[in-house]
């Protein structure tokens, strides 16, 4: 599978987190939200104006700014 970023997934598409990139404070905040390398995420929805996006991560639902999601590298899952 070709790596992409979380903000480029389509609604209903799943991916496995490969890497968290960017400012160390952002990476720390994403990790505190539960985003860890190797975890699966699913894109559930975009807000009406496209930002933020809603994700499923394990049994939780998260809303993440699109700019932050662009810093999360994922590999698409079937």
PDB file of N, CA and C in Angstrom:
ATOM      1  N   UNK A   1       0.831  -1.185   0.000  1.00  0.00           N
ATOM      2  CA  UNK A   1       0.000   0.000   0.000  1.00  0.00           C
ATOM      3  C   UNK A   1       0.879   1.253   0.000  1.00  0.00           C
ATOM      4  N   UNK A   2       0.403   2.277  -0.657  1.00  0.00           N
ATOM      5  CA  UNK A   2       1.129   3.531  -0.754  1.00  0.00           C
ATOM      6  C   UNK A   2       0.833   4.412   0.453  1.00  0.00           C
ATOM      7  N   UNK A   3       1.856   4.931   1.105  1.00  0.00           N
ATOM      8  CA  UNK A   3       1.612   5.835   2.238  1.00  0.00           C
ATOM      9  C   UNK A   3       0.928   7.124   1.791  1.00  0.00           C
ATOM     10  N   UNK A   4       0.077   7.621   2.641  1.00  0.00           N
ATOM     11  CA  UNK A   4      -0.612   8.886   2.416  1.00  0.00           C
ATOM     12  C   UNK A   4      -0.765   9.563   3.773  1.00  0.00           C
ATOM     13  N   UNK A   5      -1.535  10.611   3.849  1.00  0.00           N
ATOM     14  CA  UNK A   5      -1.766  11.249   5.142  1.00  0.00           C
ATOM     15  C   UNK A   5      -3.238  11.103   5.516  1.00  0.00           C
ATOM     16  N   UNK A   6      -3.509  11.226   6.783  1.00  0.00           N
ATOM     17  CA  UNK A   6      -4.838  10.990   7.326  1.00  0.00           C
ATOM     18  C   UNK A   6      -5.892  11.903   6.700  1.00  0.00           C
ATOM     19  N   UNK A   7      -5.538  13.126   6.386  1.00  0.00           N
ATOM     20  CA  UNK A   7      -6.510  14.058   5.805  1.00  0.00           C
ATOM     21  C   UNK A   7      -6.893  13.718   4.374  1.00  0.00           C
ATOM     22  N   UNK A   8      -6.162  12.817   3.736  1.00  0.00           N
ATOM     23  CA  UNK A   8      -6.440  12.443   2.343  1.00  0.00           C
ATOM     24  C   UNK A   8      -7.280  11.173   2.210  1.00  0.00           C
ATOM     25  N   UNK A   9      -7.598  10.538   3.331  1.00  0.00           N
ATOM     26  CA  UNK A   9      -8.469   9.362   3.266  1.00  0.00           C
ATOM     27  C   UNK A   9      -9.875   9.801   2.879  1.00  0.00           C
ATOM     28  N   UNK A  10     -10.649   8.856   2.334  1.00  0.00           N
ATOM     29  CA  UNK A  10     -12.039   9.120   2.004  1.00  0.00           C
ATOM     30  C   UNK A  10     -12.914   8.648   3.162  1.00  0.00           C
ATOM     31  N   UNK A  11     -14.107   9.193   3.265  1.00  0.00           N
ATOM     32  CA  UNK A  11     -15.030   8.788   4.325  1.00  0.00           C
ATOM     33  C   UNK A  11     -15.257   7.280   4.246  1.00  0.00           C
ATOM     34  N   UNK A  12     -15.110   6.613   5.385  1.00  0.00           N
ATOM     35  CA  UNK A  12     -15.262   5.159   5.453  1.00  0.00           C
ATOM     36  C   UNK A  12     -13.973   4.393   5.235  1.00  0.00           C
ATOM     37  N   UNK A  13     -12.934   5.064   4.792  1.00  0.00           N
ATOM     38  CA  UNK A  13     -11.656   4.398   4.525  1.00  0.00           C
ATOM     39  C   UNK A  13     -10.862   4.259   5.820  1.00  0.00           C
ATOM     40  N   UNK A  14     -10.143   3.148   5.921  1.00  0.00           N
ATOM     41  CA  UNK A  14      -9.314   2.884   7.096  1.00  0.00           C
ATOM     42  C   UNK A  14      -7.843   2.967   6.711  1.00  0.00           C
ATOM     43  N   UNK A  15      -7.027   3.223   7.731  1.00  0.00           N
ATOM     44  CA  UNK A  15      -5.591   3.261   7.521  1.00  0.00           C
ATOM     45  C   UNK A  15      -4.853   2.886   8.795  1.00  0.00           C
ATOM     46  N   UNK A  16      -3.606   2.482   8.634  1.00  0.00           N
ATOM     47  CA  UNK A  16      -2.750   2.162   9.776  1.00  0.00           C
ATOM     48  C   UNK A  16      -1.720   3.289   9.903  1.00  0.00           C
ATOM     49  N   UNK A  17      -1.580   3.811  11.117  1.00  0.00           N
ATOM     50  CA  UNK A  17      -0.653   4.924  11.352  1.00  0.00           C
ATOM     51  C   UNK A  17       0.783   4.430  11.201  1.00  0.00           C
ATOM     52  N   UNK A  18       1.530   5.106  10.333  1.00  0.00           N
ATOM     53  CA  UNK A  18       2.934   4.774  10.103  1.00  0.00           C
ATOM     54  C   UNK A  18       3.829   5.704  10.910  1.00  0.00           C
ATOM     55  N   UNK A  19       3.506   7.005  10.891  1.00  0.00           N
ATOM     56  CA  UNK A  19       4.369   7.982  11.567  1.00  0.00           C
ATOM     57  C   UNK A  19       3.581   9.238  11.899  1.00  0.00           C
ATOM     58  N   UNK A  20       4.015   9.905  12.953  1.00  0.00           N
ATOM     59  CA  UNK A  20       3.499  11.220  13.335  1.00  0.00           C
ATOM     60  C   UNK A  20       4.610  12.215  13.058  1.00  0.00           C
ATOM     61  N   UNK A  21       4.317  13.233  12.276  1.00  0.00           N
ATOM     62  CA  UNK A  21       5.339  14.198  11.861  1.00  0.00           C
ATOM     63  C   UNK A  21       5.004  15.584  12.392  1.00  0.00           C
ATOM     64  N   UNK A  22       5.993  16.436  12.437  1.00  0.00           N
ATOM     65  CA  UNK A  22       5.754  17.827  12.772  1.00  0.00           C
ATOM     66  C   UNK A  22       6.357  18.250  14.091  1.00  0.00           C
ATOM     67  N   UNK A  23       5.857  19.363  14.590  1.00  0.00           N
ATOM     68  CA  UNK A  23       6.308  19.962  15.834  1.00  0.00           C
ATOM     69  C   UNK A  23       6.198  18.958  16.978  1.00  0.00           C
ATOM     70  N   UNK A  24       7.211  18.863  17.846  1.00  0.00           N
ATOM     71  CA  UNK A  24       7.160  17.911  18.961  1.00  0.00           C
ATOM     72  C   UNK A  24       5.932  18.084  19.858  1.00  0.00           C
ATOM     73  N   UNK A  25       5.451  19.309  20.033  1.00  0.00           N
ATOM     74  CA  UNK A  25       4.256  19.516  20.851  1.00  0.00           C
ATOM     75  C   UNK A  25       3.018  18.932  20.182  1.00  0.00           C
ATOM     76  N   UNK A  26       2.927  19.055  18.866  1.00  0.00           N
ATOM     77  CA  UNK A  26       1.814  18.464  18.127  1.00  0.00           C
ATOM     78  C   UNK A  26       1.873  16.951  18.212  1.00  0.00           C
ATOM     79  N   UNK A  27       3.051  16.386  17.997  1.00  0.00           N
ATOM     80  CA  UNK A  27       3.217  14.934  18.066  1.00  0.00           C
ATOM     81  C   UNK A  27       2.823  14.436  19.452  1.00  0.00           C
ATOM     82  N   UNK A  28       3.237  15.134  20.491  1.00  0.00           N
ATOM     83  CA  UNK A  28       2.894  14.739  21.852  1.00  0.00           C
ATOM     84  C   UNK A  28       1.378  14.789  22.066  1.00  0.00           C
ATOM     85  N   UNK A  29       0.728  15.858  21.570  1.00  0.00           N
ATOM     86  CA  UNK A  29      -0.717  16.000  21.739  1.00  0.00           C
ATOM     87  C   UNK A  29      -1.464  14.886  21.009  1.00  0.00           C
ATOM     88  N   UNK A  30      -1.018  14.552  19.787  1.00  0.00           N
ATOM     89  CA  UNK A  30      -1.653  13.465  19.044  1.00  0.00           C
ATOM     90  C   UNK A  30      -1.486  12.131  19.767  1.00  0.00           C
ATOM     91  N   UNK A  31      -0.308  11.913  20.336  1.00  0.00           N
ATOM     92  CA  UNK A  31      -0.070  10.679  21.084  1.00  0.00           C
ATOM     93  C   UNK A  31      -0.940  10.629  22.340  1.00  0.00           C
ATOM     94  N   UNK A  32      -1.130  11.767  22.999  1.00  0.00           N
ATOM     95  CA  UNK A  32      -1.991  11.811  24.179  1.00  0.00           C
ATOM     96  C   UNK A  32      -3.446  11.532  23.817  1.00  0.00           C
ATOM     97  N   UNK A  33      -3.827  11.852  22.578  1.00  0.00           N
ATOM     98  CA  UNK A  33      -5.182  11.564  22.105  1.00  0.00           C
ATOM     99  C   UNK A  33      -5.337  10.078  21.776  1.00  0.00           C
ATOM    100  N   UNK A  34      -4.238   9.348  21.737  1.00  0.00           N
ATOM    101  CA  UNK A  34      -4.286   7.920  21.477  1.00  0.00           C
ATOM    102  C   UNK A  34      -3.755   7.496  20.133  1.00  0.00           C
ATOM    103  N   UNK A  35      -3.252   8.415  19.344  1.00  0.00           N
ATOM    104  CA  UNK A  35      -2.707   8.071  18.030  1.00  0.00           C
ATOM    105  C   UNK A  35      -1.283   7.579  18.192  1.00  0.00           C
ATOM    106  N   UNK A  36      -1.106   6.299  17.986  1.00  0.00           N
ATOM    107  CA  UNK A  36       0.216   5.687  18.098  1.00  0.00           C
ATOM    108  C   UNK A  36       0.524   4.930  16.821  1.00  0.00           C
ATOM    109  N   UNK A  37       1.788   4.844  16.483  1.00  0.00           N
ATOM    110  CA  UNK A  37       2.191   4.097  15.295  1.00  0.00           C
ATOM    111  C   UNK A  37       1.692   2.663  15.401  1.00  0.00           C
ATOM    112  N   UNK A  38       1.139   2.163  14.300  1.00  0.00           N
ATOM    113  CA  UNK A  38       0.616   0.805  14.254  1.00  0.00           C
ATOM    114  C   UNK A  38      -0.877   0.715  14.509  1.00  0.00           C
ATOM    115  N   UNK A  39      -1.493   1.776  15.050  1.00  0.00           N
ATOM    116  CA  UNK A  39      -2.933   1.769  15.312  1.00  0.00           C
ATOM    117  C   UNK A  39      -3.714   1.974  14.019  1.00  0.00           C
ATOM    118  N   UNK A  40      -4.917   1.403  13.980  1.00  0.00           N
ATOM    119  CA  UNK A  40      -5.813   1.604  12.849  1.00  0.00           C
ATOM    120  C   UNK A  40      -6.754   2.750  13.146  1.00  0.00           C
ATOM    121  N   UNK A  41      -7.002   3.573  12.126  1.00  0.00           N
ATOM    122  CA  UNK A  41      -7.965   4.660  12.236  1.00  0.00           C
ATOM    123  C   UNK A  41      -8.924   4.566  11.053  1.00  0.00           C
ATOM    124  N   UNK A  42     -10.128   5.086  11.251  1.00  0.00           N
ATOM    125  CA  UNK A  42     -11.113   5.145  10.178  1.00  0.00           C
ATOM    126  C   UNK A  42     -11.642   6.570  10.093  1.00  0.00           C
ATOM    127  N   UNK A  43     -11.712   7.106   8.888  1.00  0.00           N
ATOM    128  CA  UNK A  43     -12.268   8.436   8.692  1.00  0.00           C
ATOM    129  C   UNK A  43     -13.782   8.310   8.642  1.00  0.00           C
ATOM    130  N   UNK A  44     -14.465   8.951   9.592  1.00  0.00           N
ATOM    131  CA  UNK A  44     -15.922   8.859   9.678  1.00  0.00           C
ATOM    132  C   UNK A  44     -16.631   9.979   8.938  1.00  0.00           C
ATOM    133  N   UNK A  45     -16.143  11.210   9.069  1.00  0.00           N
ATOM    134  CA  UNK A  45     -16.854  12.333   8.450  1.00  0.00           C
ATOM    135  C   UNK A  45     -15.980  13.579   8.423  1.00  0.00           C
ATOM    136  N   UNK A  46     -16.354  14.476   7.529  1.00  0.00           N
ATOM    137  CA  UNK A  46     -15.796  15.820   7.484  1.00  0.00           C
ATOM    138  C   UNK A  46     -16.862  16.770   8.012  1.00  0.00           C
ATOM    139  N   UNK A  47     -16.476  17.792   8.734  1.00  0.00           N
ATOM    140  CA  UNK A  47     -17.417  18.831   9.146  1.00  0.00           C
ATOM    141  C   UNK A  47     -17.952  19.508   7.883  1.00  0.00           C
ATOM    142  N   UNK A  48     -19.087  20.212   7.975  1.00  0.00           N
ATOM    143  CA  UNK A  48     -19.682  20.826   6.777  1.00  0.00           C
ATOM    144  C   UNK A  48     -18.728  21.690   5.950  1.00  0.00           C
ATOM    145  N   UNK A  49     -17.823  22.388   6.585  1.00  0.00           N
ATOM    146  CA  UNK A  49     -16.871  23.207   5.828  1.00  0.00           C
ATOM    147  C   UNK A  49     -15.531  22.500   5.627  1.00  0.00           C
ATOM    148  N   UNK A  50     -15.475  21.200   5.944  1.00  0.00           N
ATOM    149  CA  UNK A  50     -14.275  20.408   5.697  1.00  0.00           C
ATOM    150  C   UNK A  50     -13.283  20.349   6.840  1.00  0.00           C
ATOM    151  N   UNK A  51     -13.557  21.056   7.921  1.00  0.00           N
ATOM    152  CA  UNK A  51     -12.615  21.068   9.037  1.00  0.00           C
ATOM    153  C   UNK A  51     -13.388  21.292  10.327  1.00  0.00           C
ATOM    154  N   UNK A  52     -13.264  20.464  11.336  1.00  0.00           N
ATOM    155  CA  UNK A  52     -12.340  19.346  11.501  1.00  0.00           C
ATOM    156  C   UNK A  52     -12.870  18.062  10.846  1.00  0.00           C
ATOM    157  N   UNK A  53     -12.107  16.992  11.026  1.00  0.00           N
ATOM    158  CA  UNK A  53     -12.535  15.686  10.552  1.00  0.00           C
ATOM    159  C   UNK A  53     -12.792  14.797  11.766  1.00  0.00           C
ATOM    160  N   UNK A  54     -13.707  13.835  11.588  1.00  0.00           N
ATOM    161  CA  UNK A  54     -14.040  12.915  12.678  1.00  0.00           C
ATOM    162  C   UNK A  54     -13.441  11.551  12.363  1.00  0.00           C
ATOM    163  N   UNK A  55     -12.778  10.986  13.364  1.00  0.00           N
ATOM    164  CA  UNK A  55     -12.083   9.705  13.210  1.00  0.00           C
ATOM    165  C   UNK A  55     -12.562   8.708  14.250  1.00  0.00           C
ATOM    166  N   UNK A  56     -12.449   7.433  13.904  1.00  0.00           N
ATOM    167  CA  UNK A  56     -12.620   6.379  14.894  1.00  0.00           C
ATOM    168  C   UNK A  56     -11.243   5.795  15.152  1.00  0.00           C
ATOM    169  N   UNK A  57     -10.870   5.749  16.414  1.00  0.00           N
ATOM    170  CA  UNK A  57      -9.578   5.215  16.835  1.00  0.00           C
ATOM    171  C   UNK A  57      -9.868   4.260  17.978  1.00  0.00           C
ATOM    172  N   UNK A  58      -9.818   2.969  17.705  1.00  0.00           N
ATOM    173  CA  UNK A  58     -10.223   1.986  18.708  1.00  0.00           C
ATOM    174  C   UNK A  58     -11.707   2.136  18.983  1.00  0.00           C
ATOM    175  N   UNK A  59     -12.086   2.292  20.244  1.00  0.00           N
ATOM    176  CA  UNK A  59     -13.484   2.473  20.623  1.00  0.00           C
ATOM    177  C   UNK A  59     -13.847   3.941  20.786  1.00  0.00           C
ATOM    178  N   UNK A  60     -12.959   4.836  20.402  1.00  0.00           N
ATOM    179  CA  UNK A  60     -13.175   6.268  20.595  1.00  0.00           C
ATOM    180  C   UNK A  60     -13.412   6.970  19.265  1.00  0.00           C
ATOM    181  N   UNK A  61     -14.097   8.110  19.362  1.00  0.00           N
ATOM    182  CA  UNK A  61     -14.255   9.008  18.221  1.00  0.00           C
ATOM    183  C   UNK A  61     -13.522  10.301  18.554  1.00  0.00           C
ATOM    184  N   UNK A  62     -12.755  10.786  17.585  1.00  0.00           N
ATOM    185  CA  UNK A  62     -11.967  11.996  17.777  1.00  0.00           C
ATOM    186  C   UNK A  62     -12.273  12.996  16.675  1.00  0.00           C
ATOM    187  N   UNK A  63     -12.223  14.256  17.007  1.00  0.00           N
ATOM    188  CA  UNK A  63     -12.265  15.320  16.009  1.00  0.00           C
ATOM    189  C   UNK A  63     -10.884  15.952  15.983  1.00  0.00           C
ATOM    190  N   UNK A  64     -10.328  16.047  14.787  1.00  0.00           N
ATOM    191  CA  UNK A  64      -8.966  16.549  14.620  1.00  0.00           C
ATOM    192  C   UNK A  64      -8.974  17.590  13.505  1.00  0.00           C
ATOM    193  N   UNK A  65      -8.245  18.678  13.718  1.00  0.00           N
ATOM    194  CA  UNK A  65      -8.123  19.672  12.651  1.00  0.00           C
ATOM    195  C   UNK A  65      -7.468  19.040  11.436  1.00  0.00           C
ATOM    196  N   UNK A  66      -7.902  19.459  10.284  1.00  0.00           N
ATOM    197  CA  UNK A  66      -7.385  18.888   9.041  1.00  0.00           C
ATOM    198  C   UNK A  66      -5.872  19.113   8.913  1.00  0.00           C
ATOM    199  N   UNK A  67      -5.388  20.273   9.350  1.00  0.00           N
ATOM    200  CA  UNK A  67      -3.949  20.564   9.281  1.00  0.00           C
ATOM    201  C   UNK A  67      -3.157  19.599  10.162  1.00  0.00           C
ATOM    202  N   UNK A  68      -3.719  19.220  11.314  1.00  0.00           N
ATOM    203  CA  UNK A  68      -3.043  18.252  12.192  1.00  0.00           C
ATOM    204  C   UNK A  68      -3.091  16.857  11.580  1.00  0.00           C
ATOM    205  N   UNK A  69      -4.229  16.514  10.969  1.00  0.00           N
ATOM    206  CA  UNK A  69      -4.368  15.197  10.332  1.00  0.00           C
ATOM    207  C   UNK A  69      -3.378  15.044   9.179  1.00  0.00           C
ATOM    208  N   UNK A  70      -3.007  16.159   8.563  1.00  0.00           N
ATOM    209  CA  UNK A  70      -2.043  16.116   7.458  1.00  0.00           C
ATOM    210  C   UNK A  70      -0.647  15.737   7.943  1.00  0.00           C
ATOM    211  N   UNK A  71      -0.417  15.773   9.248  1.00  0.00           N
ATOM    212  CA  UNK A  71       0.884  15.423   9.819  1.00  0.00           C
ATOM    213  C   UNK A  71       0.943  13.952  10.237  1.00  0.00           C
ATOM    214  N   UNK A  72      -0.165  13.213  10.037  1.00  0.00           N
ATOM    215  CA  UNK A  72      -0.224  11.799  10.409  1.00  0.00           C
ATOM    216  C   UNK A  72      -0.119  10.962   9.130  1.00  0.00           C
ATOM    217  N   UNK A  73       0.978  10.254   8.979  1.00  0.00           N
ATOM    218  CA  UNK A  73       1.198   9.412   7.806  1.00  0.00           C
ATOM    219  C   UNK A  73       0.570   8.052   8.051  1.00  0.00           C
ATOM    220  N   UNK A  74      -0.236   7.604   7.067  1.00  0.00           N
ATOM    221  CA  UNK A  74      -0.918   6.310   7.191  1.00  0.00           C
ATOM    222  C   UNK A  74      -0.727   5.498   5.919  1.00  0.00           C
ATOM    223  N   UNK A  75      -0.948   4.193   6.057  1.00  0.00           N
ATOM    224  CA  UNK A  75      -1.027   3.346   4.874  1.00  0.00           C
ATOM    225  C   UNK A  75      -2.478   2.884   4.780  1.00  0.00           C
ATOM    226  N   UNK A  76      -3.055   3.008   3.600  1.00  0.00           N
ATOM    227  CA  UNK A  76      -4.450   2.639   3.396  1.00  0.00           C
ATOM    228  C   UNK A  76      -4.641   1.146   3.603  1.00  0.00           C
ATOM    229  N   UNK A  77      -5.770   0.795   4.203  1.00  0.00           N
ATOM    230  CA  UNK A  77      -6.131  -0.602   4.395  1.00  0.00           C
ATOM    231  C   UNK A  77      -7.332  -0.919   3.527  1.00  0.00           C
ATOM    232  N   UNK A  78      -7.453  -2.156   3.070  1.00  0.00           N
ATOM    233  CA  UNK A  78      -8.600  -2.518   2.223  1.00  0.00           C
ATOM    234  C   UNK A  78      -9.917  -2.466   2.986  1.00  0.00           C
TER     235      UNK A  78
END
